[in-house]
C-alpha atoms as a PDB file:
ATOM      1  CA  ALA A   1     -35.388  80.673  34.201  1.00  0.00           C
ATOM      2  CA  ASP A   2     -37.555  78.192  32.416  1.00  0.00           C
ATOM      3  CA  PRO A   3     -35.292  77.054  29.730  1.00  0.00           C
ATOM      4  CA  LEU A   4     -37.320  74.173  28.738  1.00  0.00           C
ATOM      5  CA  LYS A   5     -40.505  76.012  28.728  1.00  0.00           C
ATOM      6  CA  PHE A   6     -42.180  73.588  30.968  1.00  0.00           C
ATOM      7  CA  ARG A   7     -46.059  73.614  31.392  1.00  0.00           C
ATOM      8  CA  ASP A   8     -48.611  71.277  32.906  1.00  0.00           C
ATOM      9  CA  GLU A   9     -51.693  72.801  34.680  1.00  0.00           C
ATOM     10  CA  LYS A  10     -49.759  75.903  35.434  1.00  0.00           C
ATOM     11  CA  ARG A  11     -46.494  77.631  33.736  1.00  0.00           C
ATOM     12  CA  TYR A  12     -43.308  76.857  35.685  1.00  0.00           C
ATOM     13  CA  THR A  13     -42.646  80.643  35.841  1.00  0.00           C
ATOM     14  CA  ASP A  14     -46.259  81.137  37.601  1.00  0.00           C
ATOM     15  CA  ARG A  15     -45.307  78.029  39.867  1.00  0.00           C
ATOM     16  CA  LEU A  16     -41.919  79.696  40.675  1.00  0.00           C
ATOM     17  CA  LYS A  17     -43.734  82.928  41.495  1.00  0.00           C
ATOM     18  CA  ASP A  18     -46.164  81.447  43.965  1.00  0.00           C
ATOM     19  CA  ALA A  19     -43.499  79.304  45.398  1.00  0.00           C
ATOM     20  CA  ARG A  20     -41.500  82.382  46.290  1.00  0.00           C
ATOM     21  CA  ALA A  21     -44.178  84.002  47.689  1.00  0.00           C
ATOM     22  CA  LYS A  22     -45.240  81.261  49.921  1.00  0.00           C
ATOM     23  CA  THR A  23     -41.736  80.621  51.165  1.00  0.00           C
ATOM     24  CA  GLY A  24     -40.097  83.840  51.080  1.00  0.00           C
ATOM     25  CA  GLN A  25     -37.131  82.170  49.322  1.00  0.00           C
ATOM     26  CA  GLN A  26     -35.667  82.576  45.831  1.00  0.00           C
ATOM     27  CA  ASP A  27     -35.270  78.662  45.290  1.00  0.00           C
ATOM     28  CA  ALA A  28     -35.663  75.340  47.086  1.00  0.00           C
ATOM     29  CA  VAL A  29     -32.189  74.958  48.222  1.00  0.00           C
ATOM     30  CA  LEU A  30     -30.319  76.972  50.646  1.00  0.00           C
ATOM     31  CA  ALA A  31     -26.395  76.671  51.654  1.00  0.00           C
ATOM     32  CA  ALA A  32     -24.932  77.629  54.815  1.00  0.00           C
ATOM     33  CA  ARG A  33     -21.804  77.525  56.648  1.00  0.00           C
ATOM     34  CA  GLY A  34     -22.061  77.109  60.504  1.00  0.00           C
ATOM     35  CA  THR A  35     -21.360  74.661  63.565  1.00  0.00           C
ATOM     36  CA  ILE A  36     -22.892  71.527  64.710  1.00  0.00           C
ATOM     37  CA  GLY A  37     -21.770  71.384  68.462  1.00  0.00           C
ATOM     38  CA  ASN A  38     -18.373  72.822  67.841  1.00  0.00           C
ATOM     39  CA  LEU A  39     -17.932  71.172  64.400  1.00  0.00           C
ATOM     40  CA  PRO A  40     -17.576  73.454  61.653  1.00  0.00           C
ATOM     41  CA  VAL A  41     -19.731  72.109  58.577  1.00  0.00           C
ATOM     42  CA  VAL A  42     -21.380  73.318  55.388  1.00  0.00           C
ATOM     43  CA  ILE A  43     -25.151  72.323  55.192  1.00  0.00           C
ATOM     44  CA  VAL A  44     -27.208  72.253  51.809  1.00  0.00           C
ATOM     45  CA  ALA A  45     -31.034  71.776  52.260  1.00  0.00           C
ATOM     46  CA  GLN A  46     -33.956  71.313  50.299  1.00  0.00           C
ATOM     47  CA  ASN A  47     -37.379  73.100  51.095  1.00  0.00           C
ATOM     48  CA  PHE A  48     -40.043  70.624  50.261  1.00  0.00           C
ATOM     49  CA  MET A  49     -42.434  73.471  51.022  1.00  0.00           C
ATOM     50  CA  PHE A  50     -40.886  75.062  47.717  1.00  0.00           C
ATOM     51  CA  MET A  51     -42.447  73.268  44.931  1.00  0.00           C
ATOM     52  CA  GLY A  52     -41.958  69.573  46.525  1.00  0.00           C
ATOM     53  CA  GLY A  53     -37.875  70.659  46.925  1.00  0.00           C
ATOM     54  CA  SER A  54     -37.885  70.891  42.912  1.00  0.00           C
ATOM     55  CA  LEU A  55     -34.445  70.967  41.600  1.00  0.00           C
ATOM     56  CA  GLY A  56     -33.935  73.575  38.994  1.00  0.00           C
ATOM     57  CA  MET A  57     -30.553  75.131  37.648  1.00  0.00           C
ATOM     58  CA  ALA A  58     -30.248  77.330  40.898  1.00  0.00           C
ATOM     59  CA  SER A  59     -30.678  74.371  42.996  1.00  0.00           C
ATOM     60  CA  GLY A  60     -27.983  72.493  41.536  1.00  0.00           C
ATOM     61  CA  GLU A  61     -25.536  75.516  41.550  1.00  0.00           C
ATOM     62  CA  ALA A  62     -26.384  75.867  45.438  1.00  0.00           C
ATOM     63  CA  PHE A  63     -25.607  72.003  45.728  1.00  0.00           C
ATOM     64  CA  VAL A  64     -22.219  72.559  44.133  1.00  0.00           C
ATOM     65  CA  ALA A  65     -21.494  75.960  45.791  1.00  0.00           C
ATOM     66  CA  GLY A  66     -21.974  74.132  49.111  1.00  0.00           C
ATOM     67  CA  ALA A  67     -19.846  71.295  48.218  1.00  0.00           C
ATOM     68  CA  GLU A  68     -16.896  73.394  46.731  1.00  0.00           C
ATOM     69  CA  ARG A  69     -17.053  75.373  49.904  1.00  0.00           C
ATOM     70  CA  ALA A  70     -16.784  72.322  52.120  1.00  0.00           C
ATOM     71  CA  VAL A  71     -13.882  70.972  50.266  1.00  0.00           C
ATOM     72  CA  ALA A  72     -12.180  74.206  50.146  1.00  0.00           C
ATOM     73  CA  ASP A  73     -12.723  74.771  53.932  1.00  0.00           C
ATOM     74  CA  LYS A  74     -11.983  70.951  54.622  1.00  0.00           C
ATOM     75  CA  VAL A  75     -15.296  70.660  56.471  1.00  0.00           C
ATOM     76  CA  PRO A  76     -17.990  68.131  56.464  1.00  0.00           C
ATOM     77  CA  LEU A  77     -20.810  68.719  53.887  1.00  0.00           C
ATOM     78  CA  VAL A  78     -24.361  67.812  55.544  1.00  0.00           C
ATOM     79  CA  LEU A  79     -27.112  67.275  53.103  1.00  0.00           C
ATOM     80  CA  VAL A  80     -30.683  67.692  54.151  1.00  0.00           C
ATOM     81  CA  VAL A  81     -32.607  66.436  51.016  1.00  0.00           C
ATOM     82  CA  ALA A  82     -36.465  66.799  50.776  1.00  0.00           C
ATOM     83  CA  SER A  83     -37.757  66.181  47.596  1.00  0.00           C
ATOM     84  CA  GLY A  84     -40.838  64.599  45.642  1.00  0.00           C
ATOM     85  CA  GLY A  85     -38.533  62.754  43.144  1.00  0.00           C
ATOM     86  CA  ALA A  86     -34.745  63.431  43.130  1.00  0.00           C
ATOM     87  CA  ARG A  87     -33.078  60.310  44.807  1.00  0.00           C
END
């Protein structure tokens, strides 16, 4: 979605389509449950190859969902932050 109708050299929706085709992902952020060693964790990672790790609404929802899952499961949350501007 592009609620701000953002545009610079290209429309945001066109950039989104290009990033999806390039990476095979729907968004810049993935969340998953798994283990590191034998320790169960939830991991949330940004893919810089997806528009420089751009944070849109879906990315924010993935971060929140990952955090909520970690709290519910009482396991560590591991964040892999890779963005051109978010700190």
